[in-house]
């Protein structure tokens, strides 16, 4: 467990910002409630913003993680590709299990017709797969594992900011509530840390998983 503690210490800037983001979101959620928080985070919409967030939300799509895995394989960075893959698969599995257990309505299913005016035709989904947000789970797992792998710890917050933006895109596009995003972010972060710990602590002796020296 000492090694797990070292991971948090070495990446304290990243995890400090994550804790700040999570606590602010949680306090806002508790103060406003799920529905009011969703409306408050969507004060206005424009077609240009709709297009921007539709493109941005792709970063949380599983296909983006798979593209990155392939890129690492092409670069012969075997350990990184395996860690991203393991983080993606584990976090996605946990998110899908919770979706099936809780079966909570998406915003478009939750609100009565006319109660919220900014749902986007052809983009916003209905149904009961809101909790947790799969895209948020995926992108926070990816951001965390990339931050842990990255040697320059001062730039790691950029990964987190990107993940937060993707998480917000899920709310803006009317796909999820704030609590869905916060839970997805937590699942993604925790699973990525565990995957990184297993690879660096338990599998480092295997040559394929040993970190490659940087030039």
C-alpha atoms as a PDB file:
ATOM      1  CA  UNK A   1       0.000   0.000   0.000  1.00  0.00           C
ATOM      2  CA  UNK A   2       2.998   2.269   0.434  1.00  0.00           C
ATOM      3  CA  UNK A   3       3.445   2.305  -3.333  1.00  0.00           C
ATOM      4  CA  UNK A   4      -0.192   3.353  -3.779  1.00  0.00           C
ATOM      5  CA  UNK A   5       0.403   6.249  -1.395  1.00  0.00           C
ATOM      6  CA  UNK A   6       3.489   7.230  -3.398  1.00  0.00           C
ATOM      7  CA  UNK A   7       1.356   7.481  -6.538  1.00  0.00           C
ATOM      8  CA  UNK A   8      -0.888  10.090  -4.913  1.00  0.00           C
ATOM      9  CA  UNK A   9       2.083  11.991  -3.481  1.00  0.00           C
ATOM     10  CA  UNK A  10       3.944  12.082  -6.805  1.00  0.00           C
ATOM     11  CA  UNK A  11       0.796  13.324  -8.570  1.00  0.00           C
ATOM     12  CA  UNK A  12      -0.575  15.507  -5.776  1.00  0.00           C
ATOM     13  CA  UNK A  13      -1.257  18.461  -8.085  1.00  0.00           C
ATOM     14  CA  UNK A  14      -3.501  16.335 -10.316  1.00  0.00           C
ATOM     15  CA  UNK A  15      -5.351  14.737  -7.411  1.00  0.00           C
ATOM     16  CA  UNK A  16      -5.692  18.028  -5.543  1.00  0.00           C
ATOM     17  CA  UNK A  17      -7.411  19.581  -8.539  1.00  0.00           C
ATOM     18  CA  UNK A  18      -9.580  16.481  -8.927  1.00  0.00           C
ATOM     19  CA  UNK A  19     -10.637  16.675  -5.261  1.00  0.00           C
ATOM     20  CA  UNK A  20     -11.436  20.392  -5.669  1.00  0.00           C
ATOM     21  CA  UNK A  21     -13.520  19.721  -8.804  1.00  0.00           C
ATOM     22  CA  UNK A  22     -15.377  16.850  -7.153  1.00  0.00           C
ATOM     23  CA  UNK A  23     -16.112  18.701  -3.895  1.00  0.00           C
ATOM     24  CA  UNK A  24     -17.326  21.851  -5.650  1.00  0.00           C
ATOM     25  CA  UNK A  25     -19.574  19.742  -7.876  1.00  0.00           C
ATOM     26  CA  UNK A  26     -20.878  17.719  -4.943  1.00  0.00           C
ATOM     27  CA  UNK A  27     -21.625  20.786  -2.817  1.00  0.00           C
ATOM     28  CA  UNK A  28     -23.416  22.438  -5.738  1.00  0.00           C
ATOM     29  CA  UNK A  29     -25.408  19.256  -6.363  1.00  0.00           C
ATOM     30  CA  UNK A  30     -26.460  18.923  -2.720  1.00  0.00           C
ATOM     31  CA  UNK A  31     -27.378  22.614  -2.486  1.00  0.00           C
ATOM     32  CA  UNK A  32     -29.410  22.768  -5.705  1.00  0.00           C
ATOM     33  CA  UNK A  33     -30.679  19.231  -6.206  1.00  0.00           C
ATOM     34  CA  UNK A  34     -30.310  17.115  -9.339  1.00  0.00           C
ATOM     35  CA  UNK A  35     -32.870  18.829 -11.563  1.00  0.00           C
ATOM     36  CA  UNK A  36     -32.092  22.426 -10.547  1.00  0.00           C
ATOM     37  CA  UNK A  37     -28.353  21.844 -10.898  1.00  0.00           C
ATOM     38  CA  UNK A  38     -28.878  20.510 -14.425  1.00  0.00           C
ATOM     39  CA  UNK A  39     -30.886  23.591 -15.441  1.00  0.00           C
ATOM     40  CA  UNK A  40     -28.437  25.979 -13.744  1.00  0.00           C
ATOM     41  CA  UNK A  41     -25.527  24.472 -15.682  1.00  0.00           C
ATOM     42  CA  UNK A  42     -27.389  25.040 -18.955  1.00  0.00           C
ATOM     43  CA  UNK A  43     -28.204  28.777 -18.944  1.00  0.00           C
ATOM     44  CA  UNK A  44     -28.190  29.136 -22.726  1.00  0.00           C
ATOM     45  CA  UNK A  45     -27.505  27.250 -25.933  1.00  0.00           C
ATOM     46  CA  UNK A  46     -26.295  28.291 -29.373  1.00  0.00           C
ATOM     47  CA  UNK A  47     -25.872  26.219 -32.524  1.00  0.00           C
ATOM     48  CA  UNK A  48     -22.111  26.882 -32.568  1.00  0.00           C
ATOM     49  CA  UNK A  49     -21.812  25.631 -28.979  1.00  0.00           C
ATOM     50  CA  UNK A  50     -23.943  22.613 -29.834  1.00  0.00           C
ATOM     51  CA  UNK A  51     -21.499  21.683 -32.593  1.00  0.00           C
ATOM     52  CA  UNK A  52     -18.471  22.313 -30.359  1.00  0.00           C
ATOM     53  CA  UNK A  53     -19.724  20.108 -27.542  1.00  0.00           C
ATOM     54  CA  UNK A  54     -20.837  17.353 -29.919  1.00  0.00           C
ATOM     55  CA  UNK A  55     -17.241  17.218 -31.178  1.00  0.00           C
ATOM     56  CA  UNK A  56     -15.722  17.564 -27.702  1.00  0.00           C
ATOM     57  CA  UNK A  57     -17.812  14.766 -26.206  1.00  0.00           C
ATOM     58  CA  UNK A  58     -16.183  12.315 -28.644  1.00  0.00           C
ATOM     59  CA  UNK A  59     -13.083  12.389 -26.427  1.00  0.00           C
ATOM     60  CA  UNK A  60     -15.111  10.392 -23.920  1.00  0.00           C
ATOM     61  CA  UNK A  61     -16.213   7.863 -26.505  1.00  0.00           C
ATOM     62  CA  UNK A  62     -14.649   4.426 -26.248  1.00  0.00           C
ATOM     63  CA  UNK A  63     -13.538   4.706 -29.849  1.00  0.00           C
ATOM     64  CA  UNK A  64     -11.229   7.577 -28.934  1.00  0.00           C
ATOM     65  CA  UNK A  65      -9.554   5.474 -26.234  1.00  0.00           C
ATOM     66  CA  UNK A  66      -9.156   2.634 -28.714  1.00  0.00           C
ATOM     67  CA  UNK A  67      -7.578   5.014 -31.235  1.00  0.00           C
ATOM     68  CA  UNK A  68      -5.077   6.077 -28.587  1.00  0.00           C
ATOM     69  CA  UNK A  69      -4.326   2.455 -27.738  1.00  0.00           C
ATOM     70  CA  UNK A  70      -3.578   1.754 -31.397  1.00  0.00           C
ATOM     71  CA  UNK A  71      -1.348   4.841 -31.518  1.00  0.00           C
ATOM     72  CA  UNK A  72       0.667   3.598 -28.538  1.00  0.00           C
ATOM     73  CA  UNK A  73       0.988   0.195 -30.190  1.00  0.00           C
ATOM     74  CA  UNK A  74       2.269   1.788 -33.392  1.00  0.00           C
ATOM     75  CA  UNK A  75       4.798   3.703 -31.286  1.00  0.00           C
ATOM     76  CA  UNK A  76       5.746   0.379 -29.625  1.00  0.00           C
ATOM     77  CA  UNK A  77       4.838   1.728 -26.206  1.00  0.00           C
ATOM     78  CA  UNK A  78       3.444  -1.591 -24.984  1.00  0.00           C
ATOM     79  CA  UNK A  79       3.054  -0.708 -21.306  1.00  0.00           C
ATOM     80  CA  UNK A  80       1.143   2.503 -22.012  1.00  0.00           C
ATOM     81  CA  UNK A  81      -1.177   0.799 -24.500  1.00  0.00           C
ATOM     82  CA  UNK A  82      -1.949  -2.012 -22.038  1.00  0.00           C
ATOM     83  CA  UNK A  83      -2.600   0.420 -19.190  1.00  0.00           C
ATOM     84  CA  UNK A  84      -4.971   2.548 -21.254  1.00  0.00           C
ATOM     85  CA  UNK A  85      -6.774  -0.581 -22.459  1.00  0.00           C
ATOM     86  CA  UNK A  86      -7.075  -2.044 -18.958  1.00  0.00           C
ATOM     87  CA  UNK A  87      -8.317   1.264 -17.526  1.00  0.00           C
ATOM     88  CA  UNK A  88     -10.879   1.622 -20.285  1.00  0.00           C
ATOM     89  CA  UNK A  89     -12.195  -1.943 -20.001  1.00  0.00           C
ATOM     90  CA  UNK A  90     -12.390  -2.010 -16.209  1.00  0.00           C
ATOM     91  CA  UNK A  91     -14.016   1.409 -15.862  1.00  0.00           C
ATOM     92  CA  UNK A  92     -16.475   0.687 -18.686  1.00  0.00           C
ATOM     93  CA  UNK A  93     -17.439  -2.637 -17.091  1.00  0.00           C
ATOM     94  CA  UNK A  94     -18.118  -0.999 -13.722  1.00  0.00           C
ATOM     95  CA  UNK A  95     -20.128   1.794 -15.349  1.00  0.00           C
ATOM     96  CA  UNK A  96     -22.290  -0.672 -17.274  1.00  0.00           C
ATOM     97  CA  UNK A  97     -22.934  -2.750 -14.155  1.00  0.00           C
ATOM     98  CA  UNK A  98     -24.098   0.351 -12.276  1.00  0.00           C
ATOM     99  CA  UNK A  99     -26.246   1.497 -15.205  1.00  0.00           C
ATOM    100  CA  UNK A 100     -28.089  -1.827 -15.113  1.00  0.00           C
ATOM    101  CA  UNK A 101     -28.423  -1.814 -11.316  1.00  0.00           C
ATOM    102  CA  UNK A 102     -29.787   1.721 -10.954  1.00  0.00           C
ATOM    103  CA  UNK A 103     -31.518   2.209 -14.345  1.00  0.00           C
ATOM    104  CA  UNK A 104     -32.009   5.944 -13.761  1.00  0.00           C
ATOM    105  CA  UNK A 105     -33.715   8.174 -16.362  1.00  0.00           C
ATOM    106  CA  UNK A 106     -31.749  10.489 -18.590  1.00  0.00           C
ATOM    107  CA  UNK A 107     -32.703  14.193 -18.429  1.00  0.00           C
ATOM    108  CA  UNK A 108     -34.944  14.009 -21.503  1.00  0.00           C
ATOM    109  CA  UNK A 109     -36.787  11.097 -19.908  1.00  0.00           C
ATOM    110  CA  UNK A 110     -36.837  12.795 -16.491  1.00  0.00           C
ATOM    111  CA  UNK A 111     -38.260  16.205 -17.396  1.00  0.00           C
ATOM    112  CA  UNK A 112     -41.838  16.659 -18.482  1.00  0.00           C
ATOM    113  CA  UNK A 113     -42.374  17.953 -22.059  1.00  0.00           C
ATOM    114  CA  UNK A 114     -41.701  21.682 -22.202  1.00  0.00           C
ATOM    115  CA  UNK A 115     -39.979  21.763 -18.813  1.00  0.00           C
ATOM    116  CA  UNK A 116     -36.527  22.138 -20.387  1.00  0.00           C
ATOM    117  CA  UNK A 117     -36.059  23.759 -23.784  1.00  0.00           C
ATOM    118  CA  UNK A 118     -32.509  22.901 -24.874  1.00  0.00           C
ATOM    119  CA  UNK A 119     -32.574  19.221 -25.765  1.00  0.00           C
ATOM    120  CA  UNK A 120     -30.903  18.716 -29.153  1.00  0.00           C
ATOM    121  CA  UNK A 121     -32.782  16.742 -31.792  1.00  0.00           C
ATOM    122  CA  UNK A 122     -30.783  13.812 -33.093  1.00  0.00           C
ATOM    123  CA  UNK A 123     -28.235  14.115 -30.284  1.00  0.00           C
ATOM    124  CA  UNK A 124     -29.967  13.923 -26.907  1.00  0.00           C
ATOM    125  CA  UNK A 125     -30.994  10.414 -25.898  1.00  0.00           C
ATOM    126  CA  UNK A 126     -33.900   9.181 -23.835  1.00  0.00           C
ATOM    127  CA  UNK A 127     -34.008   6.006 -21.768  1.00  0.00           C
ATOM    128  CA  UNK A 128     -32.830   4.812 -18.380  1.00  0.00           C
ATOM    129  CA  UNK A 129     -29.037   4.605 -18.688  1.00  0.00           C
ATOM    130  CA  UNK A 130     -28.154   7.912 -17.062  1.00  0.00           C
ATOM    131  CA  UNK A 131     -26.223   6.845 -13.948  1.00  0.00           C
ATOM    132  CA  UNK A 132     -23.267   6.903 -14.169  1.00  0.00           C
ATOM    133  CA  UNK A 133     -22.092   8.745 -17.283  1.00  0.00           C
ATOM    134  CA  UNK A 134     -20.170   6.305 -19.467  1.00  0.00           C
ATOM    135  CA  UNK A 135     -18.372   9.038 -21.380  1.00  0.00           C
ATOM    136  CA  UNK A 136     -17.276  10.692 -18.124  1.00  0.00           C
ATOM    137  CA  UNK A 137     -16.075   7.352 -16.795  1.00  0.00           C
ATOM    138  CA  UNK A 138     -14.049   6.710 -19.935  1.00  0.00           C
ATOM    139  CA  UNK A 139     -12.495  10.159 -20.257  1.00  0.00           C
ATOM    140  CA  UNK A 140     -11.514  10.419 -16.571  1.00  0.00           C
ATOM    141  CA  UNK A 141      -9.963   6.959 -16.704  1.00  0.00           C
ATOM    142  CA  UNK A 142      -8.021   8.046 -19.770  1.00  0.00           C
ATOM    143  CA  UNK A 143      -7.015  11.427 -18.318  1.00  0.00           C
ATOM    144  CA  UNK A 144      -5.864   9.838 -15.060  1.00  0.00           C
ATOM    145  CA  UNK A 145      -3.792   7.078 -16.635  1.00  0.00           C
ATOM    146  CA  UNK A 146      -2.160   9.573 -19.028  1.00  0.00           C
ATOM    147  CA  UNK A 147      -1.418  11.914 -16.120  1.00  0.00           C
ATOM    148  CA  UNK A 148       0.186   9.101 -14.132  1.00  0.00           C
ATOM    149  CA  UNK A 149       2.275   7.973 -17.093  1.00  0.00           C
ATOM    150  CA  UNK A 150       3.367  11.518 -17.943  1.00  0.00           C
ATOM    151  CA  UNK A 151       6.765  12.405 -16.494  1.00  0.00           C
ATOM    152  CA  UNK A 152       6.184  16.156 -16.407  1.00  0.00           C
ATOM    153  CA  UNK A 153       3.802  16.393 -13.442  1.00  0.00           C
ATOM    154  CA  UNK A 154       3.319  20.142 -13.873  1.00  0.00           C
ATOM    155  CA  UNK A 155       1.337  19.624 -17.079  1.00  0.00           C
ATOM    156  CA  UNK A 156      -0.892  16.833 -15.747  1.00  0.00           C
ATOM    157  CA  UNK A 157      -3.693  19.222 -14.807  1.00  0.00           C
ATOM    158  CA  UNK A 158      -4.281  19.779 -18.548  1.00  0.00           C
ATOM    159  CA  UNK A 159      -5.531  16.191 -18.817  1.00  0.00           C
ATOM    160  CA  UNK A 160      -7.919  16.814 -15.938  1.00  0.00           C
ATOM    161  CA  UNK A 161      -9.229  20.054 -17.419  1.00  0.00           C
ATOM    162  CA  UNK A 162      -9.911  18.251 -20.682  1.00  0.00           C
ATOM    163  CA  UNK A 163     -11.802  15.528 -18.840  1.00  0.00           C
ATOM    164  CA  UNK A 164     -13.862  18.095 -16.929  1.00  0.00           C
ATOM    165  CA  UNK A 165     -14.776  19.787 -20.208  1.00  0.00           C
ATOM    166  CA  UNK A 166     -15.944  16.468 -21.634  1.00  0.00           C
ATOM    167  CA  UNK A 167     -17.918  15.797 -18.451  1.00  0.00           C
ATOM    168  CA  UNK A 168     -19.638  19.159 -18.813  1.00  0.00           C
ATOM    169  CA  UNK A 169     -20.406  18.388 -22.453  1.00  0.00           C
ATOM    170  CA  UNK A 170     -22.544  15.460 -21.263  1.00  0.00           C
ATOM    171  CA  UNK A 171     -24.643  17.890 -19.213  1.00  0.00           C
ATOM    172  CA  UNK A 172     -24.760  20.543 -21.939  1.00  0.00           C
ATOM    173  CA  UNK A 173     -25.939  17.995 -24.510  1.00  0.00           C
ATOM    174  CA  UNK A 174     -28.702  16.883 -22.154  1.00  0.00           C
ATOM    175  CA  UNK A 175     -27.372  13.353 -21.816  1.00  0.00           C
ATOM    176  CA  UNK A 176     -26.626  13.303 -18.075  1.00  0.00           C
ATOM    177  CA  UNK A 177     -27.114  15.011 -14.734  1.00  0.00           C
ATOM    178  CA  UNK A 178     -24.250  16.349 -12.602  1.00  0.00           C
ATOM    179  CA  UNK A 179     -24.383  13.351 -10.254  1.00  0.00           C
ATOM    180  CA  UNK A 180     -23.928  11.029 -13.267  1.00  0.00           C
ATOM    181  CA  UNK A 181     -20.789  12.911 -14.274  1.00  0.00           C
ATOM    182  CA  UNK A 182     -19.356  13.004 -10.747  1.00  0.00           C
ATOM    183  CA  UNK A 183     -19.850   9.283 -10.282  1.00  0.00           C
ATOM    184  CA  UNK A 184     -18.362   8.537 -13.696  1.00  0.00           C
ATOM    185  CA  UNK A 185     -15.366  10.745 -12.905  1.00  0.00           C
ATOM    186  CA  UNK A 186     -14.802   8.905  -9.624  1.00  0.00           C
ATOM    187  CA  UNK A 187     -15.024   5.466 -11.231  1.00  0.00           C
ATOM    188  CA  UNK A 188     -12.651   6.467 -14.009  1.00  0.00           C
ATOM    189  CA  UNK A 189     -10.088   8.000 -11.669  1.00  0.00           C
ATOM    190  CA  UNK A 190     -10.108   5.143  -9.151  1.00  0.00           C
ATOM    191  CA  UNK A 191      -9.882   2.367 -11.734  1.00  0.00           C
ATOM    192  CA  UNK A 192      -7.025   4.130 -13.553  1.00  0.00           C
ATOM    193  CA  UNK A 193      -5.065   4.497 -10.311  1.00  0.00           C
ATOM    194  CA  UNK A 194      -5.563   0.810  -9.502  1.00  0.00           C
ATOM    195  CA  UNK A 195      -4.518  -0.232 -13.003  1.00  0.00           C
ATOM    196  CA  UNK A 196      -1.403   1.954 -12.849  1.00  0.00           C
ATOM    197  CA  UNK A 197      -0.543   0.559  -9.405  1.00  0.00           C
ATOM    198  CA  UNK A 198      -0.917  -3.047 -10.590  1.00  0.00           C
ATOM    199  CA  UNK A 199       1.229  -2.444 -13.665  1.00  0.00           C
ATOM    200  CA  UNK A 200       3.994  -0.561 -11.855  1.00  0.00           C
ATOM    201  CA  UNK A 201       4.016  -2.590  -8.645  1.00  0.00           C
ATOM    202  CA  UNK A 202       2.993  -6.102  -9.689  1.00  0.00           C
ATOM    203  CA  UNK A 203       3.873  -6.427 -13.373  1.00  0.00           C
ATOM    204  CA  UNK A 204       6.992  -4.281 -13.668  1.00  0.00           C
ATOM    205  CA  UNK A 205       9.195  -7.368 -13.519  1.00  0.00           C
ATOM    206  CA  UNK A 206       7.730  -8.503 -16.841  1.00  0.00           C
ATOM    207  CA  UNK A 207       9.865  -7.002 -19.582  1.00  0.00           C
ATOM    208  CA  UNK A 208       6.930  -6.039 -21.808  1.00  0.00           C
ATOM    209  CA  UNK A 209       5.392  -3.930 -19.049  1.00  0.00           C
ATOM    210  CA  UNK A 210       8.571  -2.323 -17.778  1.00  0.00           C
ATOM    211  CA  UNK A 211       8.603   1.442 -18.465  1.00  0.00           C
ATOM    212  CA  UNK A 212      10.751   2.384 -21.405  1.00  0.00           C
ATOM    213  CA  UNK A 213      13.570   4.883 -20.808  1.00  0.00           C
ATOM    214  CA  UNK A 214      12.857   8.284 -22.338  1.00  0.00           C
ATOM    215  CA  UNK A 215      15.423   9.783 -24.661  1.00  0.00           C
END
